[in-house]
Amino acid sequence: MKQQIIIIALIAFGLLSCTKNFEEINTDPNKPVKVQPDFLLTTSIFETMNLFGGNMNRVVFFNYTHHFSGFQGNFQRYNYDLNEDNTYWRAVYVQAAQPVNQIIVNYRNDPAYTNRVMIARIWKNYILSNAVAIWGSVPTEGALLGTPSVPYTKEQDVYVNVLADLKNLTDSLSLTGDKYTVNADKIFGGDLLKWKKFANTLRLRLAIRISNDAPNGDPVLAKRVVEEVFQTEQYTMKAQTETAAANWGTTSDTWSPLYDRAVYNYTANKATIPVTNESLVYHMAPYNDARLTIYAQPAKQGPQTGTYFGQNISYGGGSTYANGLTNPHTGLKQDDYSAIGERFLKPDAEYVFLSYAEACFLKAEAALKGWWGNPNASQYYYEGIDASFNRYGLTVTQASNYKNTPGIKWSTASDTVGRSAQFKDWLQICSSYIPAGDNLRQIVMQHWLAIPGQGVDAWTLIRRTRLLEFQPQFATYDGTYDYVPNRLPYPSDELQTNIGEVNKAIGWLGGADNLNTKLWFALPVKKNPFLPF
């Protein structure tokens, strides 16, 4: 990273080509060094989408989060690739964070840009909140200064600092001050109130993220932040139009990486096209969840033609533990499974950073803990389901029918009589069954179902709660099986150029620098009771 940051000024401005036609934003040709904030914000948003919603999402997070299924490769098999890891790390700091950091550095002392600098800081905090969820302790302020040694910030301190900064920004952002142009701000079109709500709702997300009992979180800090957010609830996301999302473009240099892989270059990638995940199907189909028609397409060929049929993350592996069951995946190809829903395969597909539906489920969980001023957790739970259905163009009637389904209706148990297999994976070792009164599991399941394709967010939810049941990866390269990884190792570039700080960060981990050492906020991995380890 050190070498990359030293030349960051050249790289940041070299990003001009990355967003060609994403939007035409003029810069002053007489000031080639000090790039205008509008362009820099657009660049950062686009690069952030391409990182967390692009190849990293497909290669790493699809098989970590179980909405969709990636295929082959080190990360997909719960190993890792040093070159890919270096690429993702570099993309966080050089491509995503540095453009907005340039806004902060170059315009923070100019009162004409006060709000725009604060929005840049909000966005930088969002990027860092993802980085800390992926690696743990990471460089923060010092990462973008070009210093010879890049200091790391302890994982816990990243949350403390980001939460404090977001509070200051939420309180300080003026609704009548300067703002970005509609064309530059691809998320909110320059709407300052929506940025304020995004910052405050991001505080709620991060507070709930660290809300586990110590040593797996800081419930004291989390409770304080949640209570503060409730006092300013009017500045949280409360409508569909306040969802933080952006769309890719329709030209080859701006369209969705998933479209490029799975549609435009389908023939070249046919054997490894990502498809719908088996876990998604058994969490949706037995509950008659209408969103499944949006998230997936019926299989167009193979033994399950016309049905929603998902691939497990092991590409049909796991027969060692089948206990006489017939493996329905044997001999199948990618085209034999349900394709990912068309909405997600469009060139100008949407990427969601933080949604109104998620805000509802965060409030529901906060209320269930007794931390939210309104104790009616079921109100927010149902509001979240409504918001999710509405997001995907489904009807009020469809949402109402779903909310009255056993297991989905608040405090009720799933109705599995005569069809228990429908709620399970093919090995019958994982289930979407909801016991009566298990409201937290209801909230977490709906939270997960509302964020398809949001890889970092879904992976973080899974690690934080350990409530949803998914198959481990049976097709690992070492011949055994592994549960969902806890983190990504530090990239080899960092080990070569910043070894002192990396070793310090590894010491804070409390374990080895590998996929299996859990991060501070997460709960320990839960052993599947049907498996030997």
Protein backbone atom coordinates (compact mmCIF):
# COMPACT_ATOMS: atom_id res chain seq x y z
CA MET A 1 0.00 0.00 0.00
CA LYS A 2 2.82 2.43 0.85
CA GLN A 3 4.12 2.54 -2.70
CA GLN A 4 0.62 2.94 -4.09
CA ILE A 5 -0.23 5.85 -1.84
CA ILE A 6 2.98 7.73 -2.60
CA ILE A 7 1.84 8.02 -6.22
CA ILE A 8 -1.78 8.49 -5.28
CA ALA A 9 -2.16 11.94 -6.78
CA LEU A 10 -1.37 10.58 -10.22
CA ILE A 11 -3.60 7.56 -9.76
CA ALA A 12 -6.57 9.51 -8.41
CA PHE A 13 -6.61 11.82 -11.36
CA GLY A 14 -5.94 8.94 -13.70
CA LEU A 15 -9.34 7.61 -12.68
CA LEU A 16 -10.88 9.99 -15.19
CA SER A 17 -10.98 7.18 -17.72
CA CYS A 18 -12.77 4.86 -15.29
CA THR A 19 -15.98 6.85 -15.38
CA LYS A 20 -16.08 7.86 -19.02
CA ASN A 21 -19.73 8.31 -20.01
CA PHE A 22 -20.84 7.47 -16.46
CA GLU A 23 -21.69 11.16 -16.43
CA GLU A 24 -20.25 14.10 -18.28
CA ILE A 25 -18.78 16.34 -15.63
CA ASN A 26 -16.48 19.16 -16.64
CA THR A 27 -13.32 20.05 -14.77
CA ASP A 28 -11.42 23.28 -15.07
CA PRO A 29 -8.63 22.68 -17.64
CA ASN A 30 -6.68 25.52 -16.06
CA LYS A 31 -6.48 23.64 -12.74
CA PRO A 32 -5.38 20.12 -13.60
CA VAL A 33 -4.20 19.27 -10.09
CA LYS A 34 -7.18 20.39 -8.00
CA VAL A 35 -10.02 18.31 -9.41
CA GLN A 36 -13.55 19.56 -8.79
CA PRO A 37 -15.50 17.84 -5.97
CA ASP A 38 -18.40 16.92 -8.25
CA PHE A 39 -16.18 14.76 -10.43
CA LEU A 40 -14.39 13.21 -7.46
CA LEU A 41 -17.63 12.21 -5.74
CA THR A 42 -18.97 10.62 -8.94
CA THR A 43 -15.71 8.73 -9.35
CA SER A 44 -15.75 7.45 -5.78
CA ILE A 45 -19.36 6.28 -5.99
CA PHE A 46 -18.70 4.46 -9.26
CA GLU A 47 -15.52 2.80 -7.98
CA THR A 48 -17.23 1.82 -4.73
CA MET A 49 -20.03 0.15 -6.69
CA ASN A 50 -17.55 -1.65 -8.90
CA LEU A 51 -15.66 -2.89 -5.84
CA PHE A 52 -18.36 -4.05 -3.42
CA GLY A 53 -20.95 -4.78 -6.09
CA GLY A 54 -18.63 -6.02 -8.82
CA ASN A 55 -16.07 -8.79 -9.13
CA MET A 56 -15.39 -8.90 -5.38
CA ASN A 57 -19.07 -9.52 -4.83
CA ARG A 58 -19.19 -12.36 -7.35
CA VAL A 59 -15.83 -13.94 -6.52
CA VAL A 60 -15.88 -13.60 -2.73
CA PHE A 61 -19.28 -12.72 -1.36
CA PHE A 62 -21.71 -14.81 -3.42
CA ASN A 63 -20.54 -18.01 -1.73
CA TYR A 64 -20.15 -16.29 1.64
CA THR A 65 -23.70 -14.94 1.73
CA HIS A 66 -25.80 -17.66 0.03
CA HIS A 67 -28.11 -15.47 -2.02
CA PHE A 68 -26.36 -16.53 -5.21
CA SER A 69 -23.74 -19.14 -6.01
CA GLY A 70 -20.34 -18.31 -7.47
CA PHE A 71 -18.39 -21.01 -9.25
CA GLN A 72 -14.86 -22.34 -8.90
CA GLY A 73 -11.83 -20.38 -7.76
CA ASN A 74 -9.97 -19.98 -4.49
CA PHE A 75 -12.31 -17.60 -2.71
CA GLN A 76 -15.37 -19.52 -3.88
CA ARG A 77 -13.92 -22.67 -2.29
CA TYR A 78 -13.17 -20.85 0.98
CA ASN A 79 -9.50 -20.40 0.27
CA TYR A 80 -8.02 -17.13 -0.95
CA ASP A 81 -6.00 -15.65 -3.78
CA LEU A 82 -3.15 -13.29 -2.92
CA ASN A 83 -3.38 -11.34 -6.17
CA GLU A 84 -7.13 -10.85 -5.81
CA ASP A 85 -6.73 -9.79 -2.18
CA ASN A 86 -4.17 -7.18 -3.19
CA THR A 87 -6.55 -5.92 -5.87
CA TYR A 88 -9.45 -5.53 -3.44
CA TRP A 89 -7.31 -3.74 -0.85
CA ARG A 90 -5.94 -1.37 -3.45
CA ALA A 91 -9.43 -0.69 -4.77
CA VAL A 92 -10.67 0.31 -1.30
CA TYR A 93 -7.98 2.89 -0.73
CA VAL A 94 -6.81 4.03 -4.15
CA GLN A 95 -9.93 3.86 -6.27
CA ALA A 96 -12.82 4.25 -3.82
CA ALA A 97 -11.58 6.28 -0.84
CA GLN A 98 -8.89 8.52 -2.33
CA PRO A 99 -11.17 10.59 -4.59
CA VAL A 100 -13.34 11.72 -1.67
CA ASN A 101 -10.25 12.15 0.46
CA GLN A 102 -9.02 14.61 -2.15
CA ILE A 103 -12.22 16.59 -1.65
CA ILE A 104 -11.58 16.69 2.10
CA VAL A 105 -7.93 17.68 1.76
CA ASN A 106 -8.35 20.32 -0.94
CA TYR A 107 -11.62 21.96 0.08
CA ARG A 108 -11.97 21.62 3.85
CA ASN A 109 -10.86 25.19 4.50
CA ASP A 110 -13.12 26.73 1.88
CA PRO A 111 -16.50 27.72 3.39
CA ALA A 112 -18.11 27.54 -0.05
CA TYR A 113 -17.66 23.74 0.07
CA THR A 114 -18.59 23.02 3.70
CA ASN A 115 -21.46 20.62 3.00
CA ARG A 116 -19.69 18.91 0.13
CA VAL A 117 -16.68 18.20 2.33
CA MET A 118 -18.97 16.75 5.00
CA ILE A 119 -20.67 14.51 2.44
CA ALA A 120 -17.22 13.36 1.30
CA ARG A 121 -16.46 12.48 4.92
CA ILE A 122 -19.74 10.58 5.24
CA TRP A 123 -18.91 8.57 2.14
CA LYS A 124 -15.36 7.91 3.28
CA ASN A 125 -16.76 6.57 6.57
CA TYR A 126 -19.07 4.28 4.64
CA ILE A 127 -16.08 2.85 2.72
CA LEU A 128 -14.08 2.38 5.92
CA SER A 129 -17.04 0.67 7.60
CA ASN A 130 -16.86 -1.96 4.86
CA ALA A 131 -13.08 -2.30 5.03
CA VAL A 132 -13.12 -2.95 8.78
CA ALA A 133 -15.81 -5.61 8.29
CA ILE A 134 -13.64 -7.40 5.72
CA TRP A 135 -10.15 -7.36 7.26
CA GLY A 136 -10.52 -6.12 10.84
CA SER A 137 -7.97 -3.52 11.93
CA VAL A 138 -7.16 -1.34 8.91
CA PRO A 139 -5.45 1.93 8.04
CA THR A 140 -7.81 4.89 8.39
CA GLU A 141 -6.62 8.50 8.42
CA GLY A 142 -2.95 7.76 7.81
CA ALA A 143 -3.76 5.51 4.87
CA LEU A 144 -4.29 8.41 2.51
CA LEU A 145 -1.51 10.80 3.52
CA GLY A 146 1.40 9.23 1.62
CA THR A 147 3.50 8.65 4.75
CA PRO A 148 6.34 6.07 4.63
CA SER A 149 4.66 3.85 7.24
CA VAL A 150 0.90 3.55 7.10
CA PRO A 151 -0.49 3.17 10.63
CA TYR A 152 -3.33 0.77 11.34
CA THR A 153 -6.28 1.56 13.57
CA LYS A 154 -7.52 -1.16 15.91
CA GLU A 155 -10.83 -2.66 14.80
CA GLN A 156 -12.72 -1.50 17.89
CA ASP A 157 -11.31 2.02 17.53
CA VAL A 158 -12.38 2.23 13.90
CA TYR A 159 -15.98 1.84 15.05
CA VAL A 160 -15.57 4.35 17.86
CA ASN A 161 -14.05 6.91 15.49
CA VAL A 162 -16.47 6.37 12.61
CA LEU A 163 -19.51 6.53 14.88
CA ALA A 164 -18.26 9.76 16.48
CA ASP A 165 -17.52 11.35 13.11
CA LEU A 166 -20.90 10.35 11.69
CA LYS A 167 -22.65 11.90 14.69
CA ASN A 168 -20.79 15.15 14.15
CA LEU A 169 -21.59 15.10 10.45
CA THR A 170 -25.27 14.29 11.02
CA ASP A 171 -25.55 17.17 13.46
CA SER A 172 -23.57 19.63 11.33
CA LEU A 173 -24.79 19.07 7.77
CA SER A 174 -26.79 22.15 6.82
CA LEU A 175 -29.97 21.63 4.82
CA THR A 176 -29.60 25.08 3.27
CA GLY A 177 -25.90 25.02 2.45
CA ASP A 178 -23.89 24.10 -0.63
CA LYS A 179 -24.50 20.76 -2.33
CA TYR A 180 -23.42 18.55 -5.20
CA THR A 181 -25.15 18.79 -8.54
CA VAL A 182 -27.84 16.31 -9.48
CA ASN A 183 -25.57 14.76 -12.11
CA ALA A 184 -22.61 14.41 -9.77
CA ASP A 185 -24.44 12.86 -6.83
CA LYS A 186 -25.46 9.48 -8.25
CA ILE A 187 -27.03 8.38 -4.97
CA PHE A 188 -29.24 11.25 -3.79
CA GLY A 189 -29.09 13.79 -6.61
CA GLY A 190 -27.76 16.50 -4.30
CA ASP A 191 -30.52 16.07 -1.69
CA LEU A 192 -28.95 17.17 1.60
CA LEU A 193 -31.71 15.79 3.81
CA LYS A 194 -31.20 12.34 2.34
CA TRP A 195 -27.48 12.53 3.03
CA LYS A 196 -28.20 13.48 6.64
CA LYS A 197 -30.56 10.51 6.93
CA PHE A 198 -28.01 8.21 5.33
CA ALA A 199 -25.32 9.24 7.83
CA ASN A 200 -27.63 8.76 10.80
CA THR A 201 -28.94 5.41 9.56
CA LEU A 202 -25.35 4.29 8.91
CA ARG A 203 -24.72 5.05 12.60
CA LEU A 204 -27.61 2.73 13.46
CA ARG A 205 -26.23 -0.01 11.21
CA LEU A 206 -22.79 0.17 12.83
CA ALA A 207 -24.18 0.37 16.36
CA ILE A 208 -26.24 -2.78 15.83
CA ARG A 209 -23.20 -4.41 14.21
CA ILE A 210 -21.19 -4.06 17.44
CA SER A 211 -24.11 -4.81 19.78
CA ASN A 212 -23.16 -8.36 20.79
CA ASP A 213 -22.15 -8.90 24.39
CA ALA A 214 -18.44 -8.51 25.14
CA PRO A 215 -15.98 -9.82 24.10
CA ASN A 216 -17.84 -10.00 20.77
CA GLY A 217 -18.88 -6.37 20.70
CA ASP A 218 -19.50 -3.30 22.83
CA PRO A 219 -23.17 -3.23 23.88
CA VAL A 220 -22.66 -0.18 26.08
CA LEU A 221 -21.46 1.97 23.18
CA ALA A 222 -23.99 0.39 20.84
CA LYS A 223 -26.91 1.14 23.18
CA ARG A 224 -25.82 4.75 23.63
CA VAL A 225 -25.57 5.32 19.89
CA VAL A 226 -28.92 3.62 19.22
CA GLU A 227 -30.61 5.79 21.83
CA GLU A 228 -29.03 8.90 20.30
CA VAL A 229 -30.26 7.91 16.85
CA PHE A 230 -33.77 7.40 18.20
CA GLN A 231 -33.74 10.95 19.53
CA THR A 232 -33.22 12.10 15.95
CA GLU A 233 -35.34 9.41 14.29
CA GLN A 234 -36.75 12.00 11.89
CA TYR A 235 -33.26 11.99 10.39
CA THR A 236 -33.25 8.26 9.62
CA MET A 237 -34.47 6.53 6.48
CA LYS A 238 -38.28 6.41 6.65
CA ALA A 239 -39.31 6.12 3.01
CA GLN A 240 -38.40 4.13 -0.10
CA THR A 241 -37.11 7.24 -1.83
CA GLU A 242 -34.46 7.60 0.87
CA THR A 243 -32.73 4.32 0.05
CA ALA A 244 -29.05 4.87 -0.77
CA ALA A 245 -28.57 3.28 -4.18
CA ALA A 246 -27.05 3.99 -7.57
CA ASN A 247 -27.23 2.46 -11.01
CA TRP A 248 -24.52 1.37 -13.38
CA GLY A 249 -24.62 2.68 -16.96
CA THR A 250 -25.44 1.18 -20.34
CA THR A 251 -22.06 1.48 -22.07
CA SER A 252 -19.24 -1.03 -21.89
CA ASP A 253 -17.14 1.13 -19.57
CA THR A 254 -20.00 1.80 -17.13
CA TRP A 255 -22.28 -1.22 -17.13
CA SER A 256 -22.65 -3.72 -14.32
CA PRO A 257 -19.78 -6.20 -13.86
CA LEU A 258 -22.33 -8.98 -13.33
CA TYR A 259 -24.04 -8.13 -16.61
CA ASP A 260 -20.64 -8.13 -18.31
CA ARG A 261 -19.83 -11.57 -16.89
CA ALA A 262 -23.15 -13.38 -17.02
CA VAL A 263 -24.92 -11.81 -20.01
CA TYR A 264 -22.62 -9.92 -22.38
CA ASN A 265 -19.86 -12.54 -22.11
CA TYR A 266 -22.18 -15.45 -21.39
CA THR A 267 -20.73 -17.76 -24.05
CA ALA A 268 -17.17 -17.36 -22.81
CA ASN A 269 -18.22 -17.86 -19.18
CA LYS A 270 -21.00 -20.39 -19.66
CA ALA A 271 -19.39 -23.11 -17.56
CA THR A 272 -18.92 -20.84 -14.53
CA ILE A 273 -21.91 -18.48 -14.66
CA PRO A 274 -23.15 -17.59 -11.15
CA VAL A 275 -26.66 -18.83 -10.42
CA THR A 276 -29.28 -18.80 -7.68
CA ASN A 277 -28.21 -20.37 -4.40
CA GLU A 278 -29.99 -23.36 -2.87
CA SER A 279 -30.08 -21.57 0.50
CA LEU A 280 -32.10 -18.71 -0.96
CA VAL A 281 -34.69 -21.14 -2.35
CA TYR A 282 -35.34 -23.02 0.89
CA HIS A 283 -35.65 -19.73 2.78
CA MET A 284 -38.22 -18.40 0.30
CA ALA A 285 -40.14 -21.09 -1.61
CA PRO A 286 -41.81 -22.86 1.34
CA TYR A 287 -43.09 -19.50 2.58
CA ASN A 288 -44.49 -18.56 -0.86
CA ASP A 289 -42.26 -15.49 -0.85
CA ALA A 290 -43.12 -13.51 -4.00
CA ARG A 291 -39.67 -11.92 -3.99
CA LEU A 292 -38.26 -15.21 -5.25
CA THR A 293 -39.75 -14.36 -8.66
CA ILE A 294 -37.55 -11.24 -8.64
CA TYR A 295 -34.39 -12.73 -7.18
CA ALA A 296 -34.34 -15.79 -9.44
CA GLN A 297 -35.70 -17.25 -12.67
CA PRO A 298 -37.23 -20.72 -13.04
CA ALA A 299 -34.73 -23.28 -14.36
CA LYS A 300 -34.88 -23.34 -18.16
CA GLN A 301 -33.48 -26.85 -18.60
CA GLY A 302 -32.45 -29.91 -16.64
CA PRO A 303 -34.32 -32.11 -14.15
CA GLN A 304 -35.98 -29.18 -12.38
CA THR A 305 -37.16 -27.24 -15.45
CA GLY A 306 -39.82 -24.69 -14.58
CA THR A 307 -39.07 -24.65 -10.85
CA TYR A 308 -36.83 -22.53 -8.67
CA PHE A 309 -33.77 -24.70 -8.21
CA GLY A 310 -30.60 -23.44 -6.56
CA GLN A 311 -27.04 -24.68 -6.58
CA ASN A 312 -25.29 -25.28 -3.28
CA ILE A 313 -21.98 -23.46 -2.86
CA SER A 314 -20.10 -26.77 -3.16
CA TYR A 315 -21.28 -27.29 -6.76
CA GLY A 316 -23.26 -30.33 -5.66
CA GLY A 317 -20.69 -31.54 -3.15
CA GLY A 318 -21.46 -33.07 0.23
CA SER A 319 -22.39 -36.62 -0.74
CA THR A 320 -20.09 -37.99 1.99
CA TYR A 321 -22.70 -36.83 4.51
CA ALA A 322 -25.81 -37.77 2.50
CA ASN A 323 -26.75 -40.84 4.58
CA GLY A 324 -28.33 -42.55 1.61
CA LEU A 325 -30.02 -39.47 0.13
CA THR A 326 -29.81 -39.08 -3.64
CA ASN A 327 -27.76 -36.05 -4.62
CA PRO A 328 -29.97 -33.95 -6.94
CA HIS A 329 -26.94 -31.97 -8.14
CA THR A 330 -24.93 -34.84 -9.59
CA GLY A 331 -23.86 -34.21 -13.17
CA LEU A 332 -25.58 -30.85 -13.51
CA LYS A 333 -24.27 -27.77 -15.31
CA GLN A 334 -24.82 -24.13 -14.48
CA ASP A 335 -27.64 -23.81 -17.01
CA ASP A 336 -29.58 -26.53 -15.16
CA TYR A 337 -30.11 -24.16 -12.23
CA SER A 338 -32.24 -21.07 -11.76
CA ALA A 339 -30.54 -18.05 -13.26
CA ILE A 340 -30.20 -14.94 -11.13
CA GLY A 341 -33.21 -12.64 -11.51
CA GLU A 342 -33.28 -10.38 -14.55
CA ARG A 343 -33.37 -7.26 -12.37
CA PHE A 344 -29.83 -8.03 -11.19
CA LEU A 345 -28.53 -8.90 -14.66
CA LYS A 346 -29.35 -5.64 -16.42
CA PRO A 347 -26.44 -3.51 -17.67
CA ASP A 348 -27.73 -0.56 -15.64
CA ALA A 349 -28.64 -2.66 -12.59
CA GLU A 350 -29.01 -1.03 -9.21
CA TYR A 351 -26.55 -1.40 -6.35
CA VAL A 352 -27.91 -0.69 -2.88
CA PHE A 353 -25.60 0.72 -0.22
CA LEU A 354 -28.20 1.05 2.55
CA SER A 355 -31.95 0.63 2.15
CA TYR A 356 -35.12 1.80 3.81
CA ALA A 357 -36.01 -1.88 4.36
CA GLU A 358 -32.72 -2.50 6.17
CA ALA A 359 -33.31 0.59 8.30
CA CYS A 360 -36.63 -0.93 9.40
CA PHE A 361 -35.04 -4.23 10.39
CA LEU A 362 -32.28 -2.42 12.29
CA LYS A 363 -34.95 -0.52 14.22
CA ALA A 364 -36.85 -3.76 14.83
CA GLU A 365 -33.75 -5.35 16.31
CA ALA A 366 -33.02 -2.27 18.40
CA ALA A 367 -36.60 -2.30 19.70
CA LEU A 368 -36.35 -6.01 20.51
CA LYS A 369 -33.28 -5.22 22.62
CA GLY A 370 -35.22 -2.51 24.44
CA TRP A 371 -32.91 0.22 23.17
CA TRP A 372 -35.34 1.98 20.82
CA GLY A 373 -37.78 4.50 22.25
CA ASN A 374 -40.65 2.77 20.47
CA PRO A 375 -40.67 -0.79 21.88
CA ASN A 376 -42.93 -2.18 19.15
CA ALA A 377 -40.42 -4.34 17.28
CA SER A 378 -43.15 -6.04 15.23
CA GLN A 379 -44.18 -2.66 13.77
CA TYR A 380 -40.73 -2.13 12.26
CA TYR A 381 -40.49 -5.78 11.26
CA TYR A 382 -43.66 -5.60 9.19
CA GLU A 383 -42.68 -2.19 7.83
CA GLY A 384 -39.41 -3.72 6.65
CA ILE A 385 -41.19 -6.52 4.82
CA ASP A 386 -43.52 -4.00 3.16
CA ALA A 387 -40.54 -1.87 2.16
CA SER A 388 -38.71 -4.84 0.67
CA PHE A 389 -41.72 -6.00 -1.36
CA ASN A 390 -42.34 -2.45 -2.54
CA ARG A 391 -38.70 -2.07 -3.60
CA TYR A 392 -39.13 -4.92 -6.06
CA GLY A 393 -42.46 -3.78 -7.48
CA LEU A 394 -44.59 -6.34 -5.66
CA THR A 395 -48.11 -5.57 -4.47
CA VAL A 396 -49.51 -4.71 -1.07
CA THR A 397 -51.66 -7.85 -1.27
CA GLN A 398 -48.60 -10.03 -1.91
CA ALA A 399 -46.85 -8.49 1.09
CA SER A 400 -49.94 -8.90 3.27
CA ASN A 401 -50.34 -12.58 2.36
CA TYR A 402 -46.68 -13.18 3.11
CA LYS A 403 -46.86 -11.42 6.49
CA ASN A 404 -49.68 -13.77 7.51
CA THR A 405 -47.73 -16.91 6.62
CA PRO A 406 -46.83 -19.13 9.61
CA GLY A 407 -43.24 -18.47 10.58
CA ILE A 408 -43.33 -15.04 8.95
CA LYS A 409 -46.21 -13.74 11.06
CA TRP A 410 -44.73 -12.28 14.23
CA SER A 411 -44.01 -14.87 16.95
CA THR A 412 -45.48 -17.80 14.98
CA ALA A 413 -43.78 -21.05 14.05
CA SER A 414 -43.25 -22.26 10.49
CA ASP A 415 -45.82 -24.77 9.27
CA THR A 416 -43.75 -27.75 8.13
CA VAL A 417 -46.40 -30.44 8.49
CA GLY A 418 -46.04 -32.94 5.68
CA ARG A 419 -43.40 -30.86 3.88
CA SER A 420 -40.44 -30.41 6.22
CA ALA A 421 -37.97 -31.23 3.43
CA GLN A 422 -39.00 -28.07 1.58
CA PHE A 423 -37.51 -25.99 4.39
CA LYS A 424 -34.15 -27.73 4.19
CA ASP A 425 -31.08 -28.08 2.01
CA TRP A 426 -30.71 -31.29 0.03
CA LEU A 427 -28.60 -32.91 2.78
CA GLN A 428 -31.33 -32.14 5.34
CA ILE A 429 -28.77 -30.59 7.72
CA CYS A 430 -29.84 -26.93 7.45
CA SER A 431 -33.31 -25.45 7.83
CA SER A 432 -35.22 -22.19 7.46
CA TYR A 433 -37.69 -23.31 10.15
CA ILE A 434 -38.67 -20.55 12.61
CA PRO A 435 -39.68 -21.69 16.11
CA ALA A 436 -42.59 -19.94 17.80
CA GLY A 437 -41.47 -16.81 19.61
CA ASP A 438 -38.03 -16.62 17.98
CA ASN A 439 -38.44 -13.00 16.97
CA LEU A 440 -34.75 -12.29 16.56
CA ARG A 441 -34.43 -15.08 14.02
CA GLN A 442 -37.46 -13.68 12.19
CA ILE A 443 -35.87 -10.23 12.01
CA VAL A 444 -32.48 -11.56 10.92
CA MET A 445 -33.99 -13.78 8.23
CA GLN A 446 -36.00 -10.88 6.80
CA HIS A 447 -32.97 -8.60 7.01
CA TRP A 448 -30.95 -11.14 5.00
CA LEU A 449 -33.74 -11.63 2.47
CA ALA A 450 -34.01 -7.86 1.95
CA ILE A 451 -30.37 -7.36 0.92
CA PRO A 452 -29.65 -9.70 -2.03
CA GLY A 453 -26.38 -8.86 -3.74
CA GLN A 454 -25.17 -6.66 -0.86
CA GLY A 455 -22.23 -8.92 -0.17
CA VAL A 456 -20.41 -7.10 2.63
CA ASP A 457 -23.67 -6.36 4.44
CA ALA A 458 -25.08 -9.89 4.23
CA TRP A 459 -21.76 -11.49 5.22
CA THR A 460 -21.52 -9.14 8.20
CA LEU A 461 -25.07 -9.98 9.28
CA ILE A 462 -24.34 -13.71 9.07
CA ARG A 463 -21.17 -13.43 11.14
CA ARG A 464 -22.76 -11.12 13.71
CA THR A 465 -25.80 -13.29 14.41
CA ARG A 466 -24.98 -16.93 13.47
CA LEU A 467 -28.73 -17.65 13.34
CA LEU A 468 -29.32 -18.60 9.70
CA GLU A 469 -28.45 -22.15 8.68
CA PHE A 470 -26.35 -22.65 5.56
CA GLN A 471 -24.29 -25.57 4.28
CA PRO A 472 -20.54 -25.32 4.73
CA GLN A 473 -18.27 -25.45 1.71
CA PHE A 474 -17.75 -29.16 0.94
CA ALA A 475 -15.60 -28.55 -2.15
CA THR A 476 -12.55 -26.99 -0.52
CA TYR A 477 -9.21 -27.59 -2.14
CA ASP A 478 -7.82 -29.24 1.02
CA GLY A 479 -10.39 -32.04 0.83
CA THR A 480 -12.36 -31.21 3.96
CA TYR A 481 -15.24 -28.81 4.58
CA ASP A 482 -15.21 -25.28 5.97
CA TYR A 483 -17.79 -22.95 7.43
CA VAL A 484 -18.20 -19.42 6.12
CA PRO A 485 -14.91 -17.50 6.46
CA ASN A 486 -14.60 -14.90 9.20
CA ARG A 487 -12.41 -12.38 7.37
CA LEU A 488 -9.94 -11.93 4.54
CA PRO A 489 -6.21 -12.12 5.32
CA TYR A 490 -4.09 -9.03 4.94
CA PRO A 491 -2.78 -8.71 1.37
CA SER A 492 0.75 -9.77 0.53
CA ASP A 493 1.65 -6.26 -0.65
CA GLU A 494 1.08 -5.02 2.89
CA LEU A 495 3.20 -7.81 4.34
CA GLN A 496 6.05 -6.74 2.08
CA THR A 497 5.87 -2.97 2.48
CA ASN A 498 4.30 -2.31 5.89
CA ILE A 499 5.17 -5.37 7.94
CA GLY A 500 5.50 -3.57 11.28
CA GLU A 501 1.98 -2.19 11.21
CA VAL A 502 0.55 -5.42 9.82
CA ASN A 503 2.12 -7.41 12.65
CA LYS A 504 0.60 -4.99 15.12
CA ALA A 505 -2.81 -5.51 13.52
CA ILE A 506 -2.37 -9.29 13.57
CA GLY A 507 -1.60 -9.06 17.28
CA TRP A 508 -4.92 -7.29 17.80
CA LEU A 509 -6.72 -10.12 16.00
CA GLY A 510 -5.99 -12.59 18.76
CA GLY A 511 -5.37 -15.31 16.20
CA ALA A 512 -3.66 -16.15 12.95
CA ASP A 513 -3.90 -13.91 9.89
CA ASN A 514 -6.18 -16.26 7.99
CA LEU A 515 -9.78 -16.80 6.95
CA ASN A 516 -10.79 -18.50 10.18
CA THR A 517 -9.88 -15.95 12.86
CA LYS A 518 -13.07 -14.16 13.79
CA LEU A 519 -13.35 -10.40 13.92
CA TRP A 520 -14.19 -8.58 17.14
CA PHE A 521 -17.86 -7.84 16.38
CA ALA A 522 -18.72 -11.39 15.26
CA LEU A 523 -19.92 -14.42 17.19
CA PRO A 524 -17.91 -17.65 17.01
CA VAL A 525 -18.75 -20.10 14.24
CA LYS A 526 -21.52 -22.55 15.20
CA LYS A 527 -20.92 -26.21 14.45
CA ASN A 528 -23.61 -27.91 12.43
CA PRO A 529 -25.01 -30.62 14.75
CA PHE A 530 -25.29 -33.11 11.87
CA LEU A 531 -21.58 -32.87 10.98
CA PRO A 532 -18.57 -34.26 12.85
CA PHE A 533 -16.81 -30.90 13.34
